[in-house]
């Protein structure tokens, strides 16, 4: 196991959970390809926060920072969903190109 297997971006799990929540709230099916596109857009717009353990952030983040972080994730995911919806590829719309 390399050291890179023990680090991750803190936002990844939060973004994944928020994507599912927002798509479900909108009555939309959460398919893997669409979710991956949304996650990439959202994560690229959030500042990276690399951690080894979840407790690392819980220990260093104040309650106010946690609230702001969650709001940033909600807003980022909502913006990413709109962006991905507005930039759908032809193959995403069922218009297969031969």
C-alpha atoms as a PDB file:
ATOM      1  CA  UNK A   1       0.000   0.000   0.000  1.00  0.00           C
ATOM      2  CA  UNK A   2       1.459   3.346  -1.019  1.00  0.00           C
ATOM      3  CA  UNK A   3       1.178   6.471   1.065  1.00  0.00           C
ATOM      4  CA  UNK A   4      -1.227   7.945  -1.503  1.00  0.00           C
ATOM      5  CA  UNK A   5      -3.742   5.250  -0.553  1.00  0.00           C
ATOM      6  CA  UNK A   6      -3.924   6.754   2.932  1.00  0.00           C
ATOM      7  CA  UNK A   7      -4.845  10.312   1.925  1.00  0.00           C
ATOM      8  CA  UNK A   8      -8.004  11.725   0.413  1.00  0.00           C
ATOM      9  CA  UNK A   9      -9.824  14.962  -0.241  1.00  0.00           C
ATOM     10  CA  UNK A  10     -12.133  15.705   2.699  1.00  0.00           C
ATOM     11  CA  UNK A  11     -14.846  16.966   0.362  1.00  0.00           C
ATOM     12  CA  UNK A  12     -15.211  13.759  -1.689  1.00  0.00           C
ATOM     13  CA  UNK A  13     -17.587  11.947   0.665  1.00  0.00           C
ATOM     14  CA  UNK A  14     -19.554  15.093   1.491  1.00  0.00           C
ATOM     15  CA  UNK A  15     -19.993  15.873  -2.221  1.00  0.00           C
ATOM     16  CA  UNK A  16     -21.082  12.306  -3.027  1.00  0.00           C
ATOM     17  CA  UNK A  17     -23.703  12.337  -0.273  1.00  0.00           C
ATOM     18  CA  UNK A  18     -24.948  15.783  -1.289  1.00  0.00           C
ATOM     19  CA  UNK A  19     -25.301  14.762  -4.944  1.00  0.00           C
ATOM     20  CA  UNK A  20     -27.526  11.840  -3.988  1.00  0.00           C
ATOM     21  CA  UNK A  21     -29.562  14.030  -1.622  1.00  0.00           C
ATOM     22  CA  UNK A  22     -30.138  16.786  -4.184  1.00  0.00           C
ATOM     23  CA  UNK A  23     -30.960  14.434  -7.054  1.00  0.00           C
ATOM     24  CA  UNK A  24     -33.362  12.463  -4.842  1.00  0.00           C
ATOM     25  CA  UNK A  25     -35.009  15.687  -3.644  1.00  0.00           C
ATOM     26  CA  UNK A  26     -35.535  16.653  -7.288  1.00  0.00           C
ATOM     27  CA  UNK A  27     -37.042  13.227  -8.038  1.00  0.00           C
ATOM     28  CA  UNK A  28     -34.161  12.352 -10.336  1.00  0.00           C
ATOM     29  CA  UNK A  29     -32.414   9.031 -10.682  1.00  0.00           C
ATOM     30  CA  UNK A  30     -28.790   9.144  -9.585  1.00  0.00           C
ATOM     31  CA  UNK A  31     -26.911   7.222 -12.304  1.00  0.00           C
ATOM     32  CA  UNK A  32     -23.182   6.634 -11.857  1.00  0.00           C
ATOM     33  CA  UNK A  33     -21.953   8.498 -14.960  1.00  0.00           C
ATOM     34  CA  UNK A  34     -24.009  11.604 -14.235  1.00  0.00           C
ATOM     35  CA  UNK A  35     -22.977  11.565 -10.571  1.00  0.00           C
ATOM     36  CA  UNK A  36     -19.298  11.275 -11.534  1.00  0.00           C
ATOM     37  CA  UNK A  37     -19.581  14.279 -13.872  1.00  0.00           C
ATOM     38  CA  UNK A  38     -21.320  16.325 -11.165  1.00  0.00           C
ATOM     39  CA  UNK A  39     -18.750  15.285  -8.547  1.00  0.00           C
ATOM     40  CA  UNK A  40     -15.820  16.301 -10.767  1.00  0.00           C
ATOM     41  CA  UNK A  41     -17.301  19.732 -11.440  1.00  0.00           C
ATOM     42  CA  UNK A  42     -18.186  20.317  -7.780  1.00  0.00           C
ATOM     43  CA  UNK A  43     -14.829  19.088  -6.437  1.00  0.00           C
ATOM     44  CA  UNK A  44     -12.888  21.204  -8.918  1.00  0.00           C
ATOM     45  CA  UNK A  45     -14.717  24.271  -7.645  1.00  0.00           C
ATOM     46  CA  UNK A  46     -14.071  23.545  -3.954  1.00  0.00           C
ATOM     47  CA  UNK A  47     -10.731  24.155  -2.262  1.00  0.00           C
ATOM     48  CA  UNK A  48      -8.848  20.891  -1.712  1.00  0.00           C
ATOM     49  CA  UNK A  49      -8.585  19.676   1.869  1.00  0.00           C
ATOM     50  CA  UNK A  50      -6.502  16.543   2.084  1.00  0.00           C
ATOM     51  CA  UNK A  51      -6.751  14.383   5.174  1.00  0.00           C
ATOM     52  CA  UNK A  52      -5.694  10.989   6.400  1.00  0.00           C
ATOM     53  CA  UNK A  53      -8.513  10.461   8.881  1.00  0.00           C
ATOM     54  CA  UNK A  54     -11.961  11.992   9.199  1.00  0.00           C
ATOM     55  CA  UNK A  55     -11.220  12.861  12.809  1.00  0.00           C
ATOM     56  CA  UNK A  56      -8.459  15.190  11.561  1.00  0.00           C
ATOM     57  CA  UNK A  57     -11.042  17.656  10.267  1.00  0.00           C
ATOM     58  CA  UNK A  58     -13.488  17.156  13.118  1.00  0.00           C
ATOM     59  CA  UNK A  59     -10.763  18.021  15.592  1.00  0.00           C
ATOM     60  CA  UNK A  60      -9.522  21.154  13.826  1.00  0.00           C
ATOM     61  CA  UNK A  61     -12.778  22.567  12.451  1.00  0.00           C
ATOM     62  CA  UNK A  62     -14.987  24.810  14.573  1.00  0.00           C
ATOM     63  CA  UNK A  63     -18.775  24.321  14.498  1.00  0.00           C
ATOM     64  CA  UNK A  64     -19.105  27.526  12.453  1.00  0.00           C
ATOM     65  CA  UNK A  65     -16.528  26.288   9.932  1.00  0.00           C
ATOM     66  CA  UNK A  66     -18.402  23.007   9.617  1.00  0.00           C
ATOM     67  CA  UNK A  67     -21.653  24.856   8.884  1.00  0.00           C
ATOM     68  CA  UNK A  68     -19.891  26.994   6.268  1.00  0.00           C
ATOM     69  CA  UNK A  69     -18.244  23.927   4.736  1.00  0.00           C
ATOM     70  CA  UNK A  70     -21.548  22.088   4.422  1.00  0.00           C
ATOM     71  CA  UNK A  71     -23.151  25.159   2.833  1.00  0.00           C
ATOM     72  CA  UNK A  72     -20.241  25.457   0.399  1.00  0.00           C
ATOM     73  CA  UNK A  73     -20.751  21.803  -0.557  1.00  0.00           C
ATOM     74  CA  UNK A  74     -24.528  22.256  -0.994  1.00  0.00           C
ATOM     75  CA  UNK A  75     -24.008  25.321  -3.184  1.00  0.00           C
ATOM     76  CA  UNK A  76     -21.167  23.693  -5.125  1.00  0.00           C
ATOM     77  CA  UNK A  77     -23.209  20.593  -5.877  1.00  0.00           C
ATOM     78  CA  UNK A  78     -26.261  22.628  -6.914  1.00  0.00           C
ATOM     79  CA  UNK A  79     -24.084  24.690  -9.276  1.00  0.00           C
ATOM     80  CA  UNK A  80     -22.435  21.536 -10.636  1.00  0.00           C
ATOM     81  CA  UNK A  81     -25.803  19.887 -11.319  1.00  0.00           C
ATOM     82  CA  UNK A  82     -26.917  22.961 -13.270  1.00  0.00           C
ATOM     83  CA  UNK A  83     -23.617  23.050 -15.160  1.00  0.00           C
ATOM     84  CA  UNK A  84     -23.705  19.357 -16.096  1.00  0.00           C
ATOM     85  CA  UNK A  85     -27.373  19.596 -17.123  1.00  0.00           C
ATOM     86  CA  UNK A  86     -26.581  22.576 -19.358  1.00  0.00           C
ATOM     87  CA  UNK A  87     -23.579  20.857 -20.960  1.00  0.00           C
ATOM     88  CA  UNK A  88     -24.924  17.408 -21.735  1.00  0.00           C
ATOM     89  CA  UNK A  89     -23.158  15.512 -24.486  1.00  0.00           C
ATOM     90  CA  UNK A  90     -25.192  14.107 -27.369  1.00  0.00           C
ATOM     91  CA  UNK A  91     -24.526  10.554 -26.199  1.00  0.00           C
ATOM     92  CA  UNK A  92     -25.954  11.464 -22.789  1.00  0.00           C
ATOM     93  CA  UNK A  93     -29.241  12.416 -24.404  1.00  0.00           C
ATOM     94  CA  UNK A  94     -29.717   9.102 -26.162  1.00  0.00           C
ATOM     95  CA  UNK A  95     -28.562  10.463 -29.514  1.00  0.00           C
ATOM     96  CA  UNK A  96     -25.896   7.868 -30.237  1.00  0.00           C
ATOM     97  CA  UNK A  97     -23.519   8.935 -32.954  1.00  0.00           C
ATOM     98  CA  UNK A  98     -22.595   6.080 -35.254  1.00  0.00           C
END
